[in-house]
Amino acid sequence: MDELVLETPLSPEEIAENFKDFDLTSALQNTLEEIDAWKRGEEVPIVVRERTLPDVDAAEIRKSLSLTPKDFAGILGVSTQTVEEWESGRSNPTPTERKLMYLIQEDHTLVQKLR
């Protein structure tokens, strides 16, 4: 089996802090119990997390940055046509694109980092 290597900008101390209240043994035991219940034909509750996405207006964000559709598209890594379709309402940004636009909206300095 190949070794799995995960890269992270977090230090070991930061990782430990993030997981300090997480009981892995208990989580694994609960998962195994749910699998056993499912195998026995019991109903097992499914946890669905509702994803909330920020509301963004591509045209408003682009104009607030004084960018052309072409420049805005380049920053977001999409085509100019895609930006124009968002702005006309013919299509909608993906969840990832919406999140990126939200971050740019909240912190205009990100534009320079993304260019």
Protein backbone atom coordinates (compact mmCIF):
# COMPACT_ATOMS: atom_id res chain seq x y z
CA MET A 1 0.00 0.00 0.00
CA ASP A 2 1.30 3.45 -0.93
CA GLU A 3 1.91 5.93 1.84
CA LEU A 4 -0.59 8.77 1.98
CA VAL A 5 1.08 12.13 2.39
CA LEU A 6 -1.03 15.19 3.17
CA GLU A 7 0.40 18.64 2.85
CA THR A 8 -0.96 21.44 4.99
CA PRO A 9 0.10 24.95 5.91
CA LEU A 10 -0.88 24.18 9.51
CA SER A 11 1.70 23.38 12.12
CA PRO A 12 1.36 20.18 14.18
CA GLU A 13 0.29 22.37 17.10
CA GLU A 14 -2.48 23.99 15.03
CA ILE A 15 -3.70 20.60 13.85
CA ALA A 16 -3.75 19.33 17.43
CA GLU A 17 -5.73 22.42 18.49
CA ASN A 18 -8.29 21.86 15.73
CA PHE A 19 -8.87 18.28 16.85
CA LYS A 20 -8.57 18.74 20.62
CA ASP A 21 -12.30 18.18 21.20
CA PHE A 22 -12.66 15.42 18.60
CA ASP A 23 -12.88 11.88 19.93
CA LEU A 24 -11.78 9.71 17.00
CA THR A 25 -12.37 6.44 18.83
CA SER A 26 -15.94 7.40 19.64
CA ALA A 27 -16.60 8.63 16.10
CA LEU A 28 -15.30 5.39 14.61
CA GLN A 29 -17.30 3.28 17.06
CA ASN A 30 -20.49 5.20 16.22
CA THR A 31 -19.84 4.71 12.51
CA LEU A 32 -19.30 0.97 12.96
CA GLU A 33 -22.50 0.70 15.01
CA GLU A 34 -24.44 2.50 12.26
CA ILE A 35 -22.98 0.13 9.65
CA ASP A 36 -24.00 -2.90 11.74
CA ALA A 37 -27.51 -1.49 12.18
CA TRP A 38 -27.78 -0.88 8.45
CA LYS A 39 -26.64 -4.45 7.72
CA ARG A 40 -29.36 -5.74 10.07
CA GLY A 41 -31.90 -3.78 8.03
CA GLU A 42 -32.48 -1.13 10.65
CA GLU A 43 -33.21 2.41 9.65
CA VAL A 44 -30.12 4.56 10.07
CA PRO A 45 -30.52 8.32 10.13
CA ILE A 46 -28.66 10.14 7.42
CA VAL A 47 -27.15 13.47 8.34
CA VAL A 48 -27.44 16.00 5.56
CA ARG A 49 -25.66 19.27 6.02
CA GLU A 50 -27.32 22.14 4.28
CA ARG A 51 -24.80 24.14 2.33
CA THR A 52 -25.29 27.85 2.58
CA LEU A 53 -23.78 29.94 -0.13
CA PRO A 54 -23.18 33.66 -0.10
CA ASP A 55 -25.33 35.85 -2.31
CA VAL A 56 -23.16 37.49 -4.93
CA ASP A 57 -23.82 39.77 -7.86
CA ALA A 58 -21.06 39.22 -10.40
CA ALA A 59 -21.73 42.48 -12.23
CA GLU A 60 -21.78 44.50 -9.03
CA ILE A 61 -18.54 42.96 -7.77
CA ARG A 62 -16.81 43.38 -11.13
CA LYS A 63 -17.89 47.01 -11.44
CA SER A 64 -16.87 47.78 -7.85
CA LEU A 65 -13.38 46.64 -8.82
CA SER A 66 -13.43 48.68 -12.06
CA LEU A 67 -12.67 45.54 -14.07
CA THR A 68 -13.72 44.59 -17.57
CA PRO A 69 -15.57 41.27 -17.98
CA LYS A 70 -12.38 39.89 -19.57
CA ASP A 71 -10.18 40.93 -16.63
CA PHE A 72 -12.71 39.66 -14.07
CA ALA A 73 -12.93 36.34 -15.94
CA GLY A 74 -9.15 36.02 -15.90
CA ILE A 75 -9.02 36.53 -12.15
CA LEU A 76 -11.74 33.94 -11.56
CA GLY A 77 -10.32 31.45 -14.06
CA VAL A 78 -13.41 31.38 -16.28
CA SER A 79 -14.18 32.63 -19.77
CA THR A 80 -15.40 36.12 -20.57
CA GLN A 81 -18.55 34.51 -21.95
CA THR A 82 -19.18 32.86 -18.57
CA VAL A 83 -18.99 36.22 -16.77
CA GLU A 84 -21.34 37.74 -19.35
CA GLU A 85 -23.80 34.86 -18.87
CA TRP A 86 -23.79 35.37 -15.09
CA GLU A 87 -24.35 39.07 -15.49
CA SER A 88 -27.22 38.57 -17.93
CA GLY A 89 -28.83 35.90 -15.73
CA ARG A 90 -28.48 33.16 -18.38
CA SER A 91 -26.41 31.03 -16.01
CA ASN A 92 -25.30 30.95 -12.40
CA PRO A 93 -21.85 30.62 -10.87
CA THR A 94 -20.93 27.29 -9.29
CA PRO A 95 -20.73 27.15 -5.49
CA THR A 96 -16.94 27.48 -5.67
CA GLU A 97 -17.17 30.48 -7.99
CA ARG A 98 -19.72 32.10 -5.70
CA LYS A 99 -17.47 31.63 -2.70
CA LEU A 100 -14.49 33.07 -4.54
CA MET A 101 -16.49 36.11 -5.65
CA TYR A 102 -17.71 36.59 -2.10
CA LEU A 103 -14.15 36.54 -0.78
CA ILE A 104 -13.09 39.06 -3.42
CA GLN A 105 -16.09 41.22 -2.57
CA GLU A 106 -15.09 41.22 1.10
CA ASP A 107 -11.37 41.76 0.46
CA HIS A 108 -10.46 43.60 -2.73
CA THR A 109 -6.75 42.98 -2.08
CA LEU A 110 -7.29 39.39 -3.20
CA VAL A 111 -7.58 40.62 -6.79
CA GLN A 112 -3.87 41.46 -6.86
CA LYS A 113 -2.99 38.06 -5.42
CA LEU A 114 -5.14 36.26 -8.03
CA ARG A 115 -3.79 38.14 -11.06
